[in-house]
Amino acid sequence: RIEGIESIAKVLHTARMRGGECALPDGEAEAIEEIR
């Protein structure tokens, strides 16, 4: 789990260095979080 979150932190850092993420469609993040 730590190895996974480290990889994700690297991806987010890189994306933000390149201008930021492209958000999921409205409500999708919340729906996935509810599944989790």
PDB file of all heavy atoms in Angstrom:
ATOM      1  N   ARG A   1       0.832  -1.205   0.000  1.00  0.00           N
ATOM      2  CA  ARG A   1       0.000   0.000   0.000  1.00  0.00           C
ATOM      3  C   ARG A   1       0.870   1.260   0.000  1.00  0.00           C
ATOM      4  O   ARG A   1       0.559   2.244  -0.684  1.00  0.00           O
ATOM      5  CB  ARG A   1      -0.946  -0.003   1.207  1.00  0.00           C
ATOM      6  CG  ARG A   1      -2.130  -0.925   1.017  1.00  0.00           C
ATOM      7  CD  ARG A   1      -3.019  -1.033   2.235  1.00  0.00           C
ATOM      8  NE  ARG A   1      -4.186  -1.844   1.898  1.00  0.00           N
ATOM      9  CZ  ARG A   1      -5.029  -2.350   2.784  1.00  0.00           C
ATOM     10  NH1 ARG A   1      -4.843  -2.131   4.089  1.00  0.00           N
ATOM     11  NH2 ARG A   1      -6.056  -3.084   2.392  1.00  0.00           N
ATOM     12  N   ILE A   2       1.953   1.224   0.750  1.00  0.00           N
ATOM     13  CA  ILE A   2       2.855   2.375   0.735  1.00  0.00           C
ATOM     14  C   ILE A   2       3.520   2.520  -0.624  1.00  0.00           C
ATOM     15  O   ILE A   2       3.660   3.630  -1.150  1.00  0.00           O
ATOM     16  CB  ILE A   2       3.904   2.263   1.860  1.00  0.00           C
ATOM     17  CG1 ILE A   2       3.260   2.633   3.191  1.00  0.00           C
ATOM     18  CG2 ILE A   2       5.123   3.126   1.577  1.00  0.00           C
ATOM     19  CD1 ILE A   2       4.208   2.768   4.352  1.00  0.00           C
ATOM     20  N   GLU A   3       3.928   1.404  -1.216  1.00  0.00           N
ATOM     21  CA  GLU A   3       4.524   1.471  -2.544  1.00  0.00           C
ATOM     22  C   GLU A   3       3.515   2.044  -3.548  1.00  0.00           C
ATOM     23  O   GLU A   3       3.868   2.857  -4.411  1.00  0.00           O
ATOM     24  CB  GLU A   3       4.974   0.086  -2.991  1.00  0.00           C
ATOM     25  CG  GLU A   3       5.728   0.099  -4.306  1.00  0.00           C
ATOM     26  CD  GLU A   3       6.244  -1.277  -4.692  1.00  0.00           C
ATOM     27  OE1 GLU A   3       5.556  -2.285  -4.402  1.00  0.00           O
ATOM     28  OE2 GLU A   3       7.337  -1.345  -5.282  1.00  0.00           O
ATOM     29  N   GLY A   4       2.261   1.645  -3.413  1.00  0.00           N
ATOM     30  CA  GLY A   4       1.228   2.160  -4.301  1.00  0.00           C
ATOM     31  C   GLY A   4       1.001   3.647  -4.137  1.00  0.00           C
ATOM     32  O   GLY A   4       0.905   4.387  -5.135  1.00  0.00           O
ATOM     33  N   ILE A   5       0.912   4.124  -2.905  1.00  0.00           N
ATOM     34  CA  ILE A   5       0.664   5.554  -2.692  1.00  0.00           C
ATOM     35  C   ILE A   5       1.869   6.375  -3.113  1.00  0.00           C
ATOM     36  O   ILE A   5       1.734   7.521  -3.574  1.00  0.00           O
ATOM     37  CB  ILE A   5       0.264   5.834  -1.227  1.00  0.00           C
ATOM     38  CG1 ILE A   5      -0.587   7.119  -1.147  1.00  0.00           C
ATOM     39  CG2 ILE A   5       1.455   5.949  -0.308  1.00  0.00           C
ATOM     40  CD1 ILE A   5      -1.956   7.001  -1.720  1.00  0.00           C
ATOM     41  N   GLU A   6       3.070   5.809  -3.006  1.00  0.00           N
ATOM     42  CA  GLU A   6       4.262   6.506  -3.484  1.00  0.00           C
ATOM     43  C   GLU A   6       4.198   6.692  -4.997  1.00  0.00           C
ATOM     44  O   GLU A   6       4.508   7.775  -5.521  1.00  0.00           O
ATOM     45  CB  GLU A   6       5.515   5.719  -3.097  1.00  0.00           C
ATOM     46  CG  GLU A   6       6.818   6.270  -3.654  1.00  0.00           C
ATOM     47  CD  GLU A   6       7.237   7.604  -3.076  1.00  0.00           C
ATOM     48  OE1 GLU A   6       6.548   8.124  -2.174  1.00  0.00           O
ATOM     49  OE2 GLU A   6       8.255   8.142  -3.534  1.00  0.00           O
ATOM     50  N   SER A   7       3.794   5.650  -5.718  1.00  0.00           N
ATOM     51  CA  SER A   7       3.661   5.761  -7.167  1.00  0.00           C
ATOM     52  C   SER A   7       2.610   6.792  -7.548  1.00  0.00           C
ATOM     53  O   SER A   7       2.807   7.601  -8.478  1.00  0.00           O
ATOM     54  CB  SER A   7       3.290   4.390  -7.751  1.00  0.00           C
ATOM     55  OG  SER A   7       3.063   4.477  -9.132  1.00  0.00           O
ATOM     56  N   ILE A   8       1.490   6.793  -6.840  1.00  0.00           N
ATOM     57  CA  ILE A   8       0.430   7.757  -7.119  1.00  0.00           C
ATOM     58  C   ILE A   8       0.898   9.182  -6.834  1.00  0.00           C
ATOM     59  O   ILE A   8       0.633  10.109  -7.606  1.00  0.00           O
ATOM     60  CB  ILE A   8      -0.824   7.411  -6.300  1.00  0.00           C
ATOM     61  CG1 ILE A   8      -1.470   6.141  -6.873  1.00  0.00           C
ATOM     62  CG2 ILE A   8      -1.820   8.570  -6.288  1.00  0.00           C
ATOM     63  CD1 ILE A   8      -2.504   5.516  -5.964  1.00  0.00           C
ATOM     64  N   ALA A   9       1.622   9.360  -5.730  1.00  0.00           N
ATOM     65  CA  ALA A   9       2.145  10.696  -5.405  1.00  0.00           C
ATOM     66  C   ALA A   9       3.083  11.193  -6.503  1.00  0.00           C
ATOM     67  O   ALA A   9       3.078  12.379  -6.860  1.00  0.00           O
ATOM     68  CB  ALA A   9       2.878  10.657  -4.063  1.00  0.00           C
ATOM     69  N   LYS A  10       3.854  10.280  -7.069  1.00  0.00           N
ATOM     70  CA  LYS A  10       4.756  10.651  -8.172  1.00  0.00           C
ATOM     71  C   LYS A  10       3.962  11.064  -9.404  1.00  0.00           C
ATOM     72  O   LYS A  10       4.289  12.058 -10.069  1.00  0.00           O
ATOM     73  CB  LYS A  10       5.688   9.485  -8.498  1.00  0.00           C
ATOM     74  CG  LYS A  10       6.731   9.808  -9.550  1.00  0.00           C
ATOM     75  CD  LYS A  10       7.688   8.629  -9.740  1.00  0.00           C
ATOM     76  CE  LYS A  10       8.762   8.963 -10.776  1.00  0.00           C
ATOM     77  NZ  LYS A  10       9.725   7.832 -10.943  1.00  0.00           N
ATOM     78  N   VAL A  11       2.913  10.306  -9.725  1.00  0.00           N
ATOM     79  CA  VAL A  11       2.066  10.644 -10.868  1.00  0.00           C
ATOM     80  C   VAL A  11       1.434  12.020 -10.680  1.00  0.00           C
ATOM     81  O   VAL A  11       1.437  12.861 -11.609  1.00  0.00           O
ATOM     82  CB  VAL A  11       0.977   9.572 -11.077  1.00  0.00           C
ATOM     83  CG1 VAL A  11      -0.080  10.049 -12.061  1.00  0.00           C
ATOM     84  CG2 VAL A  11       1.594   8.269 -11.556  1.00  0.00           C
ATOM     85  N   LEU A  12       0.875  12.277  -9.499  1.00  0.00           N
ATOM     86  CA  LEU A  12       0.219  13.566  -9.256  1.00  0.00           C
ATOM     87  C   LEU A  12       1.218  14.708  -9.296  1.00  0.00           C
ATOM     88  O   LEU A  12       0.930  15.788  -9.841  1.00  0.00           O
ATOM     89  CB  LEU A  12      -0.516  13.533  -7.916  1.00  0.00           C
ATOM     90  CG  LEU A  12      -1.695  12.563  -7.830  1.00  0.00           C
ATOM     91  CD1 LEU A  12      -2.342  12.632  -6.458  1.00  0.00           C
ATOM     92  CD2 LEU A  12      -2.717  12.838  -8.925  1.00  0.00           C
ATOM     93  N   HIS A  13       2.401  14.486  -8.716  1.00  0.00           N
ATOM     94  CA  HIS A  13       3.444  15.510  -8.764  1.00  0.00           C
ATOM     95  C   HIS A  13       3.789  15.832 -10.223  1.00  0.00           C
ATOM     96  O   HIS A  13       3.874  17.010 -10.603  1.00  0.00           O
ATOM     97  CB  HIS A  13       4.684  15.023  -8.023  1.00  0.00           C
ATOM     98  CG  HIS A  13       5.872  15.904  -8.203  1.00  0.00           C
ATOM     99  ND1 HIS A  13       6.053  17.070  -7.492  1.00  0.00           N
ATOM    100  CD2 HIS A  13       6.953  15.806  -9.045  1.00  0.00           C
ATOM    101  CE1 HIS A  13       7.176  17.645  -7.863  1.00  0.00           C
ATOM    102  NE2 HIS A  13       7.743  16.894  -8.795  1.00  0.00           N
ATOM    103  N   THR A  14       3.965  14.798 -11.036  1.00  0.00           N
ATOM    104  CA  THR A  14       4.339  14.998 -12.433  1.00  0.00           C
ATOM    105  C   THR A  14       3.223  15.698 -13.201  1.00  0.00           C
ATOM    106  O   THR A  14       3.471  16.628 -13.990  1.00  0.00           O
ATOM    107  CB  THR A  14       4.661  13.645 -13.099  1.00  0.00           C
ATOM    108  OG1 THR A  14       5.694  12.992 -12.359  1.00  0.00           O
ATOM    109  CG2 THR A  14       5.118  13.836 -14.532  1.00  0.00           C
ATOM    110  N   ALA A  15       1.971  15.267 -12.978  1.00  0.00           N
ATOM    111  CA  ALA A  15       0.842  15.892 -13.668  1.00  0.00           C
ATOM    112  C   ALA A  15       0.736  17.368 -13.316  1.00  0.00           C
ATOM    113  O   ALA A  15       0.460  18.214 -14.188  1.00  0.00           O
ATOM    114  CB  ALA A  15      -0.453  15.169 -13.303  1.00  0.00           C
ATOM    115  N   ARG A  16       0.972  17.683 -12.041  1.00  0.00           N
ATOM    116  CA  ARG A  16       0.846  19.079 -11.620  1.00  0.00           C
ATOM    117  C   ARG A  16       2.004  19.929 -12.132  1.00  0.00           C
ATOM    118  O   ARG A  16       1.827  21.133 -12.380  1.00  0.00           O
ATOM    119  CB  ARG A  16       0.696  19.124 -10.104  1.00  0.00           C
ATOM    120  CG  ARG A  16      -0.653  18.557  -9.671  1.00  0.00           C
ATOM    121  CD  ARG A  16      -0.786  18.260  -8.206  1.00  0.00           C
ATOM    122  NE  ARG A  16      -2.066  17.560  -7.973  1.00  0.00           N
ATOM    123  CZ  ARG A  16      -2.469  17.093  -6.801  1.00  0.00           C
ATOM    124  NH1 ARG A  16      -1.688  17.228  -5.721  1.00  0.00           N
ATOM    125  NH2 ARG A  16      -3.639  16.477  -6.693  1.00  0.00           N
ATOM    126  N   MET A  17       3.155  19.306 -12.311  1.00  0.00           N
ATOM    127  CA  MET A  17       4.265  20.022 -12.945  1.00  0.00           C
ATOM    128  C   MET A  17       3.956  20.330 -14.416  1.00  0.00           C
ATOM    129  O   MET A  17       4.500  21.271 -14.993  1.00  0.00           O
ATOM    130  CB  MET A  17       5.540  19.179 -12.861  1.00  0.00           C
ATOM    131  CG  MET A  17       6.118  19.035 -11.467  1.00  0.00           C
ATOM    132  SD  MET A  17       6.866  20.560 -10.849  1.00  0.00           S
ATOM    133  CE  MET A  17       8.325  20.645 -11.886  1.00  0.00           C
ATOM    134  N   ARG A  18       3.063  19.547 -15.007  1.00  0.00           N
ATOM    135  CA  ARG A  18       2.704  19.715 -16.414  1.00  0.00           C
ATOM    136  C   ARG A  18       1.391  20.490 -16.585  1.00  0.00           C
ATOM    137  O   ARG A  18       0.826  20.521 -17.672  1.00  0.00           O
ATOM    138  CB  ARG A  18       2.601  18.353 -17.096  1.00  0.00           C
ATOM    139  CG  ARG A  18       3.894  17.558 -17.028  1.00  0.00           C
ATOM    140  CD  ARG A  18       3.805  16.228 -17.774  1.00  0.00           C
ATOM    141  NE  ARG A  18       3.628  16.453 -19.213  1.00  0.00           N
ATOM    142  CZ  ARG A  18       2.635  15.950 -19.920  1.00  0.00           C
ATOM    143  NH1 ARG A  18       1.691  15.218 -19.331  1.00  0.00           N
ATOM    144  NH2 ARG A  18       2.552  16.183 -21.222  1.00  0.00           N
ATOM    145  N   GLY A  19       0.898  21.066 -15.510  1.00  0.00           N
ATOM    146  CA  GLY A  19      -0.273  21.921 -15.627  1.00  0.00           C
ATOM    147  C   GLY A  19      -1.497  21.466 -14.874  1.00  0.00           C
ATOM    148  O   GLY A  19      -2.505  22.167 -14.831  1.00  0.00           O
ATOM    149  N   GLY A  20      -1.466  20.253 -14.288  1.00  0.00           N
ATOM    150  CA  GLY A  20      -2.580  19.799 -13.474  1.00  0.00           C
ATOM    151  C   GLY A  20      -3.381  18.679 -14.107  1.00  0.00           C
ATOM    152  O   GLY A  20      -3.261  18.389 -15.300  1.00  0.00           O
ATOM    153  N   GLU A  21      -4.223  18.040 -13.286  1.00  0.00           N
ATOM    154  CA  GLU A  21      -5.010  16.898 -13.725  1.00  0.00           C
ATOM    155  C   GLU A  21      -6.216  17.325 -14.554  1.00  0.00           C
ATOM    156  O   GLU A  21      -6.665  18.475 -14.473  1.00  0.00           O
ATOM    157  CB  GLU A  21      -5.543  16.106 -12.527  1.00  0.00           C
ATOM    158  CG  GLU A  21      -4.509  15.589 -11.560  1.00  0.00           C
ATOM    159  CD  GLU A  21      -4.409  16.448 -10.302  1.00  0.00           C
ATOM    160  OE1 GLU A  21      -4.201  17.678 -10.458  1.00  0.00           O
ATOM    161  OE2 GLU A  21      -4.560  15.913  -9.204  1.00  0.00           O
ATOM    162  N   CYS A  22      -6.754  16.359 -15.290  1.00  0.00           N
ATOM    163  CA  CYS A  22      -8.025  16.511 -15.995  1.00  0.00           C
ATOM    164  C   CYS A  22      -9.086  15.785 -15.167  1.00  0.00           C
ATOM    165  O   CYS A  22      -9.072  14.561 -15.049  1.00  0.00           O
ATOM    166  CB  CYS A  22      -7.921  15.914 -17.391  1.00  0.00           C
ATOM    167  SG  CYS A  22      -9.461  15.947 -18.326  1.00  0.00           S
ATOM    168  N   ALA A  23      -9.994  16.519 -14.571  1.00  0.00           N
ATOM    169  CA  ALA A  23     -10.955  15.944 -13.628  1.00  0.00           C
ATOM    170  C   ALA A  23     -11.888  14.948 -14.301  1.00  0.00           C
ATOM    171  O   ALA A  23     -12.211  15.067 -15.497  1.00  0.00           O
ATOM    172  CB  ALA A  23     -11.774  17.046 -12.977  1.00  0.00           C
ATOM    173  N   LEU A  24     -12.330  13.970 -13.532  1.00  0.00           N
ATOM    174  CA  LEU A  24     -13.351  13.037 -13.998  1.00  0.00           C
ATOM    175  C   LEU A  24     -14.674  13.775 -14.200  1.00  0.00           C
ATOM    176  O   LEU A  24     -14.876  14.878 -13.666  1.00  0.00           O
ATOM    177  CB  LEU A  24     -13.538  11.925 -12.961  1.00  0.00           C
ATOM    178  CG  LEU A  24     -12.345  10.985 -12.748  1.00  0.00           C
ATOM    179  CD1 LEU A  24     -12.580  10.108 -11.521  1.00  0.00           C
ATOM    180  CD2 LEU A  24     -12.109  10.132 -13.982  1.00  0.00           C
ATOM    181  N   PRO A  25     -15.601  13.175 -14.941  1.00  0.00           N
ATOM    182  CA  PRO A  25     -16.914  13.813 -15.100  1.00  0.00           C
ATOM    183  C   PRO A  25     -17.577  14.074 -13.749  1.00  0.00           C
ATOM    184  O   PRO A  25     -17.320  13.385 -12.758  1.00  0.00           O
ATOM    185  CB  PRO A  25     -17.701  12.781 -15.919  1.00  0.00           C
ATOM    186  CG  PRO A  25     -16.657  11.992 -16.644  1.00  0.00           C
ATOM    187  CD  PRO A  25     -15.485  11.926 -15.713  1.00  0.00           C
ATOM    188  N   ASP A  26     -18.465  15.050 -13.725  1.00  0.00           N
ATOM    189  CA  ASP A  26     -19.149  15.430 -12.484  1.00  0.00           C
ATOM    190  C   ASP A  26     -19.787  14.218 -11.810  1.00  0.00           C
ATOM    191  O   ASP A  26     -20.503  13.438 -12.463  1.00  0.00           O
ATOM    192  CB  ASP A  26     -20.236  16.469 -12.772  1.00  0.00           C
ATOM    193  CG  ASP A  26     -19.666  17.831 -13.129  1.00  0.00           C
ATOM    194  OD1 ASP A  26     -18.445  18.027 -12.924  1.00  0.00           O
ATOM    195  OD2 ASP A  26     -20.436  18.671 -13.611  1.00  0.00           O
ATOM    196  N   GLY A  27     -19.532  14.072 -10.534  1.00  0.00           N
ATOM    197  CA  GLY A  27     -20.137  13.012  -9.736  1.00  0.00           C
ATOM    198  C   GLY A  27     -19.412  11.686  -9.788  1.00  0.00           C
ATOM    199  O   GLY A  27     -19.685  10.793  -8.973  1.00  0.00           O
ATOM    200  N   GLU A  28     -18.469  11.516 -10.713  1.00  0.00           N
ATOM    201  CA  GLU A  28     -17.807  10.224 -10.872  1.00  0.00           C
ATOM    202  C   GLU A  28     -16.866   9.928  -9.703  1.00  0.00           C
ATOM    203  O   GLU A  28     -16.840   8.799  -9.188  1.00  0.00           O
ATOM    204  CB  GLU A  28     -17.040  10.189 -12.196  1.00  0.00           C
ATOM    205  CG  GLU A  28     -16.393   8.862 -12.514  1.00  0.00           C
ATOM    206  CD  GLU A  28     -17.379   7.738 -12.786  1.00  0.00           C
ATOM    207  OE1 GLU A  28     -18.595   8.014 -12.868  1.00  0.00           O
ATOM    208  OE2 GLU A  28     -16.941   6.587 -12.913  1.00  0.00           O
ATOM    209  N   ALA A  29     -16.096  10.909  -9.271  1.00  0.00           N
ATOM    210  CA  ALA A  29     -15.179  10.693  -8.148  1.00  0.00           C
ATOM    211  C   ALA A  29     -15.947  10.314  -6.888  1.00  0.00           C
ATOM    212  O   ALA A  29     -15.554   9.411  -6.145  1.00  0.00           O
ATOM    213  CB  ALA A  29     -14.327  11.932  -7.906  1.00  0.00           C
ATOM    214  N   GLU A  30     -17.063  10.987  -6.662  1.00  0.00           N
ATOM    215  CA  GLU A  30     -17.879  10.698  -5.478  1.00  0.00           C
ATOM    216  C   GLU A  30     -18.476   9.295  -5.549  1.00  0.00           C
ATOM    217  O   GLU A  30     -18.560   8.581  -4.542  1.00  0.00           O
ATOM    218  CB  GLU A  30     -18.996  11.733  -5.348  1.00  0.00           C
ATOM    219  CG  GLU A  30     -18.523  13.140  -5.025  1.00  0.00           C
ATOM    220  CD  GLU A  30     -18.009  13.900  -6.245  1.00  0.00           C
ATOM    221  OE1 GLU A  30     -18.083  13.354  -7.380  1.00  0.00           O
ATOM    222  OE2 GLU A  30     -17.537  15.038  -6.077  1.00  0.00           O
ATOM    223  N   ALA A  31     -18.888   8.881  -6.744  1.00  0.00           N
ATOM    224  CA  ALA A  31     -19.462   7.550  -6.908  1.00  0.00           C
ATOM    225  C   ALA A  31     -18.424   6.466  -6.652  1.00  0.00           C
ATOM    226  O   ALA A  31     -18.707   5.444  -6.011  1.00  0.00           O
ATOM    227  CB  ALA A  31     -20.044   7.401  -8.315  1.00  0.00           C
ATOM    228  N   ILE A  32     -17.199   6.685  -7.129  1.00  0.00           N
ATOM    229  CA  ILE A  32     -16.127   5.714  -6.908  1.00  0.00           C
ATOM    230  C   ILE A  32     -15.748   5.659  -5.433  1.00  0.00           C
ATOM    231  O   ILE A  32     -15.508   4.572  -4.879  1.00  0.00           O
ATOM    232  CB  ILE A  32     -14.907   6.054  -7.784  1.00  0.00           C
ATOM    233  CG1 ILE A  32     -15.268   5.929  -9.265  1.00  0.00           C
ATOM    234  CG2 ILE A  32     -13.729   5.138  -7.452  1.00  0.00           C
ATOM    235  CD1 ILE A  32     -14.202   6.433 -10.205  1.00  0.00           C
ATOM    236  N   GLU A  33     -15.726   6.804  -4.784  1.00  0.00           N
ATOM    237  CA  GLU A  33     -15.424   6.825  -3.345  1.00  0.00           C
ATOM    238  C   GLU A  33     -16.483   6.064  -2.554  1.00  0.00           C
ATOM    239  O   GLU A  33     -16.170   5.352  -1.595  1.00  0.00           O
ATOM    240  CB  GLU A  33     -15.329   8.270  -2.854  1.00  0.00           C
ATOM    241  CG  GLU A  33     -15.273   8.455  -1.345  1.00  0.00           C
ATOM    242  CD  GLU A  33     -14.005   7.919  -0.687  1.00  0.00           C
ATOM    243  OE1 GLU A  33     -13.174   7.281  -1.370  1.00  0.00           O
ATOM    244  OE2 GLU A  33     -13.850   8.121   0.529  1.00  0.00           O
ATOM    245  N   GLU A  34     -17.729   6.163  -2.955  1.00  0.00           N
ATOM    246  CA  GLU A  34     -18.796   5.425  -2.280  1.00  0.00           C
ATOM    247  C   GLU A  34     -18.596   3.923  -2.437  1.00  0.00           C
ATOM    248  O   GLU A  34     -18.814   3.148  -1.489  1.00  0.00           O
ATOM    249  CB  GLU A  34     -20.159   5.841  -2.847  1.00  0.00           C
ATOM    250  CG  GLU A  34     -21.343   5.182  -2.155  1.00  0.00           C
ATOM    251  CD  GLU A  34     -21.459   5.552  -0.689  1.00  0.00           C
ATOM    252  OE1 GLU A  34     -20.999   6.659  -0.309  1.00  0.00           O
ATOM    253  OE2 GLU A  34     -22.001   4.731   0.095  1.00  0.00           O
ATOM    254  N   ILE A  35     -18.160   3.493  -3.614  1.00  0.00           N
ATOM    255  CA  ILE A  35     -17.852   2.076  -3.827  1.00  0.00           C
ATOM    256  C   ILE A  35     -16.740   1.627  -2.894  1.00  0.00           C
ATOM    257  O   ILE A  35     -16.799   0.551  -2.286  1.00  0.00           O
ATOM    258  CB  ILE A  35     -17.462   1.823  -5.297  1.00  0.00           C
ATOM    259  CG1 ILE A  35     -18.657   2.064  -6.215  1.00  0.00           C
ATOM    260  CG2 ILE A  35     -16.915   0.411  -5.488  1.00  0.00           C
ATOM    261  CD1 ILE A  35     -18.306   2.074  -7.693  1.00  0.00           C
ATOM    262  N   ARG A  36     -15.696   2.466  -2.774  1.00  0.00           N
ATOM    263  CA  ARG A  36     -14.580   2.124  -1.875  1.00  0.00           C
ATOM    264  C   ARG A  36     -15.051   1.947  -0.438  1.00  0.00           C
ATOM    265  O   ARG A  36     -14.702   0.973   0.242  1.00  0.00           O
ATOM    266  CB  ARG A  36     -13.501   3.215  -1.932  1.00  0.00           C
ATOM    267  CG  ARG A  36     -12.254   2.906  -1.083  1.00  0.00           C
ATOM    268  CD  ARG A  36     -11.332   4.106  -0.998  1.00  0.00           C
ATOM    269  NE  ARG A  36     -11.833   5.131  -0.116  1.00  0.00           N
ATOM    270  CZ  ARG A  36     -11.629   5.163   1.202  1.00  0.00           C
ATOM    271  NH1 ARG A  36     -10.941   4.188   1.798  1.00  0.00           N
ATOM    272  NH2 ARG A  36     -12.119   6.147   1.936  1.00  0.00           N
TER     273      ARG A  36
END
